Amino acid sequence: MEVILKTDIKGLGYKNDMVEVKPGYGRNYLIPQGFAVLATGSNKKILAENVKQAAHKAEKIKTAAEELASKLAEMTLEIKAKIGESGKIFGKVTTLQISDALATKGVDIDRKKISINVPVQGAGEFEAEVDLHREVKSSVKFVVVAE
């Protein structure tokens, strides 16, 4: 089943992408939730027109995302966590903590666009990946320190 995405969905695609999904996933989840529409002939024409009109705006957004990516690459965040005597942290470092730390530095990024690929076990320096745009990804360094 072919659908046109109305929003970015992690692991599936970005807004205005035409993707192939299983019929049950499309009919029972994506379409009722408003995340996608069926890729009919008329919807494809509407999509083509929307993409053509949005091309100029998209270039401006991509440039802004690239500037933000270079700013994030230079940044190092400090995340405070409770650390036991063995050196391991209690709980875990979440994307929400990284998003909040970025907000204190003046960068507002949704926590859903941040992913930590390596499990954070204790104090030290780690990296998180930030998805700023469909073509622009950046990594931000963060240091876990004792509270």
N, C-alpha and C. Protein backbone atom coordinates (compact mmCIF):
# COMPACT_ATOMS: atom_id res chain seq x y z
N MET A 1 0.86 -1.16 0.00
CA MET A 1 0.00 0.00 0.00
C MET A 1 0.91 1.23 0.00
N GLU A 2 0.61 2.17 -0.89
CA GLU A 2 1.41 3.37 -1.00
C GLU A 2 0.68 4.53 -0.34
N VAL A 3 1.40 5.26 0.55
CA VAL A 3 0.81 6.40 1.24
C VAL A 3 1.75 7.60 1.14
N ILE A 4 1.17 8.79 1.34
CA ILE A 4 1.94 10.02 1.37
C ILE A 4 1.96 10.51 2.82
N LEU A 5 3.15 10.67 3.38
CA LEU A 5 3.27 11.06 4.78
C LEU A 5 2.96 12.55 4.96
N LYS A 6 2.21 12.86 6.01
CA LYS A 6 1.88 14.24 6.34
C LYS A 6 2.80 14.80 7.42
N THR A 7 3.48 13.91 8.16
CA THR A 7 4.44 14.31 9.19
C THR A 7 5.68 13.43 9.10
N ASP A 8 6.74 13.84 9.78
CA ASP A 8 7.95 13.03 9.86
C ASP A 8 7.69 11.86 10.79
N ILE A 9 8.02 10.65 10.36
CA ILE A 9 7.88 9.47 11.20
C ILE A 9 9.22 8.76 11.22
N LYS A 10 9.80 8.66 12.42
CA LYS A 10 11.12 8.08 12.58
C LYS A 10 11.13 6.64 12.07
N GLY A 11 12.09 6.32 11.24
CA GLY A 11 12.23 4.96 10.72
C GLY A 11 11.41 4.71 9.47
N LEU A 12 10.50 5.63 9.11
CA LEU A 12 9.66 5.41 7.94
C LEU A 12 9.93 6.45 6.85
N GLY A 13 9.93 7.73 7.23
CA GLY A 13 10.19 8.77 6.24
C GLY A 13 9.86 10.14 6.77
N TYR A 14 9.95 11.11 5.87
CA TYR A 14 9.73 12.50 6.23
C TYR A 14 8.45 13.01 5.58
N LYS A 15 8.03 14.20 5.99
CA LYS A 15 6.82 14.81 5.45
C LYS A 15 6.91 14.90 3.93
N ASN A 16 5.81 14.63 3.26
CA ASN A 16 5.67 14.66 1.81
C ASN A 16 6.42 13.54 1.09
N ASP A 17 6.89 12.52 1.80
CA ASP A 17 7.49 11.36 1.16
C ASP A 17 6.39 10.38 0.79
N MET A 18 6.56 9.70 -0.34
CA MET A 18 5.65 8.63 -0.72
C MET A 18 6.33 7.32 -0.33
N VAL A 19 5.72 6.56 0.57
CA VAL A 19 6.34 5.34 1.06
C VAL A 19 5.40 4.16 0.90
N GLU A 20 5.98 3.00 0.82
CA GLU A 20 5.23 1.75 0.72
C GLU A 20 5.16 1.14 2.11
N VAL A 21 3.93 0.89 2.60
CA VAL A 21 3.74 0.29 3.92
C VAL A 21 2.81 -0.90 3.79
N LYS A 22 2.78 -1.70 4.83
CA LYS A 22 1.83 -2.82 4.83
C LYS A 22 0.42 -2.26 4.95
N PRO A 23 -0.55 -2.91 4.30
CA PRO A 23 -1.92 -2.37 4.30
C PRO A 23 -2.52 -2.15 5.69
N GLY A 24 -2.29 -3.05 6.62
CA GLY A 24 -2.84 -2.92 7.96
C GLY A 24 -2.26 -1.72 8.70
N TYR A 25 -0.97 -1.50 8.55
CA TYR A 25 -0.31 -0.36 9.19
C TYR A 25 -0.85 0.95 8.64
N GLY A 26 -1.05 0.99 7.34
CA GLY A 26 -1.59 2.20 6.71
C GLY A 26 -3.03 2.46 7.09
N ARG A 27 -3.89 1.46 6.95
CA ARG A 27 -5.33 1.63 7.21
C ARG A 27 -5.66 1.79 8.68
N ASN A 28 -4.96 1.08 9.54
CA ASN A 28 -5.32 1.05 10.96
C ASN A 28 -4.57 2.05 11.82
N TYR A 29 -3.43 2.55 11.35
CA TYR A 29 -2.67 3.47 12.19
C TYR A 29 -2.38 4.80 11.50
N LEU A 30 -1.67 4.77 10.37
CA LEU A 30 -1.21 6.01 9.75
C LEU A 30 -2.35 6.92 9.29
N ILE A 31 -3.30 6.38 8.56
CA ILE A 31 -4.39 7.20 8.01
C ILE A 31 -5.34 7.69 9.11
N PRO A 32 -5.82 6.82 10.04
CA PRO A 32 -6.72 7.31 11.09
C PRO A 32 -6.07 8.35 12.03
N GLN A 33 -4.76 8.23 12.28
CA GLN A 33 -4.07 9.17 13.16
C GLN A 33 -3.76 10.48 12.45
N GLY A 34 -3.97 10.53 11.14
CA GLY A 34 -3.69 11.74 10.37
C GLY A 34 -2.23 11.89 10.00
N PHE A 35 -1.46 10.81 10.10
CA PHE A 35 -0.04 10.86 9.76
C PHE A 35 0.20 10.68 8.27
N ALA A 36 -0.80 10.16 7.53
CA ALA A 36 -0.62 9.90 6.11
C ALA A 36 -1.97 9.93 5.39
N VAL A 37 -1.89 10.05 4.07
CA VAL A 37 -3.07 9.93 3.21
C VAL A 37 -2.76 8.90 2.14
N LEU A 38 -3.78 8.30 1.60
CA LEU A 38 -3.64 7.31 0.55
C LEU A 38 -3.06 7.97 -0.70
N ALA A 39 -2.14 7.31 -1.38
CA ALA A 39 -1.47 7.89 -2.54
C ALA A 39 -2.29 7.65 -3.80
N THR A 40 -3.40 8.37 -3.93
CA THR A 40 -4.22 8.28 -5.15
C THR A 40 -3.67 9.27 -6.18
N GLY A 41 -4.21 9.22 -7.38
CA GLY A 41 -3.76 10.10 -8.45
C GLY A 41 -3.90 11.57 -8.10
N SER A 42 -5.05 11.94 -7.54
CA SER A 42 -5.26 13.35 -7.19
C SER A 42 -4.36 13.78 -6.04
N ASN A 43 -4.16 12.90 -5.05
CA ASN A 43 -3.27 13.24 -3.93
C ASN A 43 -1.82 13.40 -4.40
N LYS A 44 -1.42 12.61 -5.41
CA LYS A 44 -0.07 12.73 -5.96
C LYS A 44 0.11 14.07 -6.66
N LYS A 45 -0.93 14.53 -7.37
CA LYS A 45 -0.85 15.83 -8.05
C LYS A 45 -0.77 16.96 -7.03
N ILE A 46 -1.55 16.86 -5.97
CA ILE A 46 -1.51 17.87 -4.90
C ILE A 46 -0.13 17.89 -4.26
N LEU A 47 0.43 16.71 -4.02
CA LEU A 47 1.77 16.61 -3.43
C LEU A 47 2.81 17.27 -4.33
N ALA A 48 2.74 17.00 -5.64
CA ALA A 48 3.70 17.59 -6.58
C ALA A 48 3.63 19.11 -6.56
N GLU A 49 2.42 19.66 -6.51
CA GLU A 49 2.24 21.10 -6.47
C GLU A 49 2.78 21.69 -5.16
N ASN A 50 2.48 21.01 -4.05
CA ASN A 50 2.96 21.49 -2.74
C ASN A 50 4.49 21.47 -2.67
N VAL A 51 5.10 20.42 -3.21
CA VAL A 51 6.56 20.30 -3.18
C VAL A 51 7.18 21.40 -4.03
N LYS A 52 6.58 21.69 -5.17
CA LYS A 52 7.11 22.73 -6.05
C LYS A 52 7.05 24.09 -5.37
N GLN A 53 5.96 24.37 -4.67
CA GLN A 53 5.81 25.65 -3.99
C GLN A 53 6.72 25.76 -2.76
N ALA A 54 6.98 24.63 -2.14
CA ALA A 54 7.76 24.65 -0.89
C ALA A 54 9.26 24.53 -1.14
N ALA A 55 9.69 24.40 -2.38
CA ALA A 55 11.12 24.19 -2.68
C ALA A 55 11.97 25.35 -2.18
N HIS A 56 11.50 26.58 -2.36
CA HIS A 56 12.28 27.75 -1.93
C HIS A 56 12.39 27.80 -0.41
N LYS A 57 11.27 27.55 0.27
CA LYS A 57 11.27 27.56 1.74
C LYS A 57 12.16 26.44 2.28
N ALA A 58 12.13 25.29 1.60
CA ALA A 58 12.91 24.14 2.07
C ALA A 58 14.40 24.44 2.02
N GLU A 59 14.84 25.16 1.01
CA GLU A 59 16.26 25.51 0.90
C GLU A 59 16.69 26.42 2.04
N LYS A 60 15.81 27.35 2.41
CA LYS A 60 16.09 28.26 3.52
C LYS A 60 16.17 27.49 4.84
N ILE A 61 15.26 26.53 5.02
CA ILE A 61 15.23 25.71 6.24
C ILE A 61 16.49 24.85 6.31
N LYS A 62 16.90 24.29 5.16
CA LYS A 62 18.09 23.43 5.13
C LYS A 62 19.34 24.24 5.50
N THR A 63 19.44 25.47 5.00
CA THR A 63 20.58 26.33 5.32
C THR A 63 20.63 26.63 6.82
N ALA A 64 19.45 26.92 7.40
CA ALA A 64 19.39 27.17 8.84
C ALA A 64 19.79 25.93 9.63
N ALA A 65 19.38 24.74 9.15
CA ALA A 65 19.73 23.49 9.83
C ALA A 65 21.23 23.24 9.76
N GLU A 66 21.85 23.57 8.62
CA GLU A 66 23.31 23.38 8.49
C GLU A 66 24.07 24.31 9.42
N GLU A 67 23.59 25.54 9.57
CA GLU A 67 24.22 26.47 10.51
C GLU A 67 24.11 25.97 11.94
N LEU A 68 22.92 25.45 12.29
CA LEU A 68 22.71 24.91 13.63
C LEU A 68 23.58 23.68 13.86
N ALA A 69 23.77 22.86 12.82
CA ALA A 69 24.60 21.66 12.93
C ALA A 69 26.05 22.02 13.24
N SER A 70 26.56 23.07 12.58
CA SER A 70 27.94 23.47 12.86
C SER A 70 28.06 24.03 14.28
N LYS A 71 27.02 24.71 14.75
CA LYS A 71 27.00 25.24 16.11
C LYS A 71 26.98 24.09 17.14
N LEU A 72 26.18 23.05 16.84
CA LEU A 72 26.09 21.90 17.76
C LEU A 72 27.39 21.10 17.81
N ALA A 73 28.09 21.03 16.68
CA ALA A 73 29.33 20.24 16.63
C ALA A 73 30.39 20.82 17.56
N GLU A 74 30.34 22.13 17.78
CA GLU A 74 31.33 22.78 18.65
C GLU A 74 30.94 22.74 20.12
N MET A 75 29.68 22.42 20.41
CA MET A 75 29.15 22.47 21.76
C MET A 75 29.48 21.22 22.57
N THR A 76 29.68 21.40 23.87
CA THR A 76 29.79 20.28 24.80
C THR A 76 28.85 20.56 25.95
N LEU A 77 27.93 19.64 26.18
CA LEU A 77 26.94 19.81 27.24
C LEU A 77 27.40 19.10 28.51
N GLU A 78 26.91 19.57 29.65
CA GLU A 78 27.22 18.93 30.92
C GLU A 78 25.91 18.40 31.50
N ILE A 79 25.84 17.08 31.67
CA ILE A 79 24.66 16.42 32.22
C ILE A 79 25.01 15.91 33.61
N LYS A 80 24.24 16.33 34.61
CA LYS A 80 24.50 15.89 35.98
C LYS A 80 23.64 14.67 36.29
N ALA A 81 24.27 13.67 36.92
CA ALA A 81 23.56 12.45 37.29
C ALA A 81 24.11 11.93 38.60
N LYS A 82 23.26 11.20 39.32
CA LYS A 82 23.72 10.58 40.56
C LYS A 82 24.57 9.37 40.21
N ILE A 83 25.78 9.34 40.77
CA ILE A 83 26.71 8.27 40.46
C ILE A 83 27.06 7.55 41.75
N GLY A 84 27.00 6.21 41.73
CA GLY A 84 27.31 5.40 42.90
C GLY A 84 28.80 5.24 43.10
N GLU A 85 29.15 4.55 44.17
CA GLU A 85 30.57 4.34 44.49
C GLU A 85 31.27 3.50 43.44
N SER A 86 30.52 2.62 42.77
CA SER A 86 31.13 1.76 41.75
C SER A 86 31.39 2.50 40.44
N GLY A 87 30.90 3.73 40.35
CA GLY A 87 31.12 4.52 39.13
C GLY A 87 29.97 4.47 38.15
N LYS A 88 28.95 3.67 38.47
CA LYS A 88 27.79 3.59 37.57
C LYS A 88 26.74 4.61 37.99
N ILE A 89 25.97 5.06 37.01
CA ILE A 89 24.94 6.05 37.32
C ILE A 89 23.65 5.35 37.73
N PHE A 90 22.87 6.06 38.55
CA PHE A 90 21.55 5.58 38.93
C PHE A 90 20.59 6.05 37.83
N GLY A 91 19.81 5.14 37.29
CA GLY A 91 18.90 5.50 36.20
C GLY A 91 19.67 5.57 34.90
N LYS A 92 19.28 6.52 34.04
CA LYS A 92 19.99 6.68 32.79
C LYS A 92 19.87 8.12 32.29
N VAL A 93 20.73 8.47 31.36
CA VAL A 93 20.68 9.77 30.73
C VAL A 93 19.68 9.67 29.58
N THR A 94 18.71 10.58 29.56
CA THR A 94 17.66 10.53 28.54
C THR A 94 17.81 11.67 27.53
N THR A 95 17.08 11.55 26.44
CA THR A 95 17.09 12.60 25.43
C THR A 95 16.45 13.87 25.96
N LEU A 96 15.55 13.74 26.93
CA LEU A 96 14.93 14.92 27.54
C LEU A 96 15.97 15.75 28.29
N GLN A 97 16.90 15.09 28.99
CA GLN A 97 17.96 15.80 29.69
C GLN A 97 18.87 16.54 28.71
N ILE A 98 19.15 15.92 27.58
CA ILE A 98 19.99 16.56 26.57
C ILE A 98 19.25 17.74 25.95
N SER A 99 17.96 17.56 25.68
CA SER A 99 17.15 18.64 25.12
C SER A 99 17.09 19.83 26.08
N ASP A 100 16.94 19.55 27.38
CA ASP A 100 16.92 20.62 28.38
C ASP A 100 18.27 21.34 28.46
N ALA A 101 19.37 20.57 28.39
CA ALA A 101 20.70 21.16 28.43
C ALA A 101 20.93 22.04 27.20
N LEU A 102 20.43 21.62 26.05
CA LEU A 102 20.53 22.44 24.84
C LEU A 102 19.71 23.72 24.98
N ALA A 103 18.54 23.61 25.62
CA ALA A 103 17.67 24.77 25.81
C ALA A 103 18.35 25.82 26.70
N THR A 104 19.13 25.38 27.69
CA THR A 104 19.83 26.33 28.53
C THR A 104 20.93 27.06 27.75
N LYS A 105 21.43 26.44 26.67
CA LYS A 105 22.44 27.08 25.82
C LYS A 105 21.79 27.89 24.69
N GLY A 106 20.45 27.94 24.67
CA GLY A 106 19.77 28.75 23.67
C GLY A 106 19.39 28.01 22.40
N VAL A 107 19.48 26.68 22.39
CA VAL A 107 19.12 25.89 21.21
C VAL A 107 17.90 25.05 21.56
N ASP A 108 16.80 25.28 20.85
CA ASP A 108 15.56 24.56 21.14
C ASP A 108 15.39 23.42 20.14
N ILE A 109 15.59 22.18 20.61
CA ILE A 109 15.44 20.99 19.76
C ILE A 109 14.53 20.02 20.49
N ASP A 110 13.56 19.47 19.75
CA ASP A 110 12.63 18.51 20.31
C ASP A 110 13.38 17.23 20.69
N ARG A 111 13.03 16.66 21.82
CA ARG A 111 13.73 15.46 22.30
C ARG A 111 13.55 14.27 21.38
N LYS A 112 12.49 14.26 20.57
CA LYS A 112 12.25 13.14 19.65
C LYS A 112 13.24 13.13 18.49
N LYS A 113 13.92 14.24 18.28
CA LYS A 113 14.90 14.32 17.20
C LYS A 113 16.31 14.01 17.68
N ILE A 114 16.43 13.64 18.95
CA ILE A 114 17.74 13.31 19.53
C ILE A 114 17.78 11.82 19.83
N SER A 115 18.90 11.17 19.50
CA SER A 115 19.04 9.75 19.83
C SER A 115 20.43 9.50 20.40
N ILE A 116 20.46 8.69 21.45
CA ILE A 116 21.73 8.30 22.09
C ILE A 116 21.98 6.86 21.65
N ASN A 117 23.04 6.65 20.87
CA ASN A 117 23.29 5.33 20.28
C ASN A 117 24.06 4.40 21.20
N VAL A 118 24.85 4.96 22.11
CA VAL A 118 25.66 4.15 23.02
C VAL A 118 25.05 4.25 24.41
N PRO A 119 24.82 3.12 25.09
CA PRO A 119 24.27 3.22 26.45
C PRO A 119 25.23 3.93 27.39
N VAL A 120 24.68 4.85 28.18
CA VAL A 120 25.49 5.63 29.12
C VAL A 120 25.48 4.89 30.46
N GLN A 121 26.62 4.30 30.81
CA GLN A 121 26.72 3.49 32.03
C GLN A 121 27.26 4.27 33.22
N GLY A 122 28.14 5.22 32.94
CA GLY A 122 28.77 5.96 34.03
C GLY A 122 29.22 7.32 33.58
N ALA A 123 30.08 7.94 34.39
CA ALA A 123 30.59 9.27 34.05
C ALA A 123 31.51 9.16 32.85
N GLY A 124 31.57 10.24 32.10
CA GLY A 124 32.45 10.27 30.93
C GLY A 124 31.88 11.12 29.82
N GLU A 125 32.54 11.06 28.67
CA GLU A 125 32.12 11.84 27.51
C GLU A 125 31.43 10.94 26.50
N PHE A 126 30.27 11.40 26.01
CA PHE A 126 29.47 10.62 25.07
C PHE A 126 28.98 11.52 23.95
N GLU A 127 28.37 10.89 22.93
CA GLU A 127 27.81 11.66 21.82
C GLU A 127 26.37 11.26 21.60
N ALA A 128 25.56 12.24 21.21
CA ALA A 128 24.17 11.99 20.83
C ALA A 128 23.98 12.52 19.42
N GLU A 129 23.14 11.84 18.65
CA GLU A 129 22.88 12.26 17.28
C GLU A 129 21.60 13.08 17.23
N VAL A 130 21.64 14.19 16.50
CA VAL A 130 20.50 15.09 16.37
C VAL A 130 20.09 15.14 14.91
N ASP A 131 18.81 14.86 14.65
CA ASP A 131 18.26 14.88 13.30
C ASP A 131 17.60 16.25 13.08
N LEU A 132 18.32 17.15 12.41
CA LEU A 132 17.83 18.51 12.23
C LEU A 132 16.97 18.69 10.99
N HIS A 133 17.26 17.91 9.96
CA HIS A 133 16.58 18.02 8.67
C HIS A 133 16.75 16.68 7.98
N ARG A 134 15.97 16.43 6.94
CA ARG A 134 16.09 15.13 6.28
C ARG A 134 17.49 14.89 5.72
N GLU A 135 18.22 15.95 5.38
CA GLU A 135 19.56 15.80 4.83
C GLU A 135 20.66 16.27 5.79
N VAL A 136 20.28 16.78 6.95
CA VAL A 136 21.27 17.33 7.88
C VAL A 136 21.14 16.64 9.24
N LYS A 137 22.20 15.93 9.60
CA LYS A 137 22.29 15.30 10.91
C LYS A 137 23.57 15.81 11.57
N SER A 138 23.53 15.92 12.87
CA SER A 138 24.69 16.42 13.60
C SER A 138 24.85 15.61 14.87
N SER A 139 26.03 15.70 15.44
CA SER A 139 26.23 15.05 16.74
C SER A 139 26.62 16.12 17.74
N VAL A 140 26.17 15.90 18.95
CA VAL A 140 26.49 16.83 20.03
C VAL A 140 27.16 16.03 21.14
N LYS A 141 28.26 16.56 21.67
CA LYS A 141 28.99 15.90 22.74
C LYS A 141 28.38 16.29 24.08
N PHE A 142 28.32 15.33 24.98
CA PHE A 142 27.88 15.64 26.34
C PHE A 142 28.73 14.87 27.34
N VAL A 143 28.95 15.51 28.46
CA VAL A 143 29.77 14.93 29.53
C VAL A 143 28.86 14.65 30.71
N VAL A 144 28.91 13.42 31.21
CA VAL A 144 28.14 13.06 32.39
C VAL A 144 29.04 13.24 33.61
N VAL A 145 28.57 14.06 34.55
CA VAL A 145 29.34 14.33 35.76
C VAL A 145 28.50 14.00 36.99
N ALA A 146 29.18 13.81 38.11
CA ALA A 146 28.49 13.50 39.37
C ALA A 146 27.74 14.73 39.87
N GLU A 147 26.58 14.48 40.42
CA GLU A 147 25.73 15.56 40.96
C GLU A 147 26.23 16.06 42.28
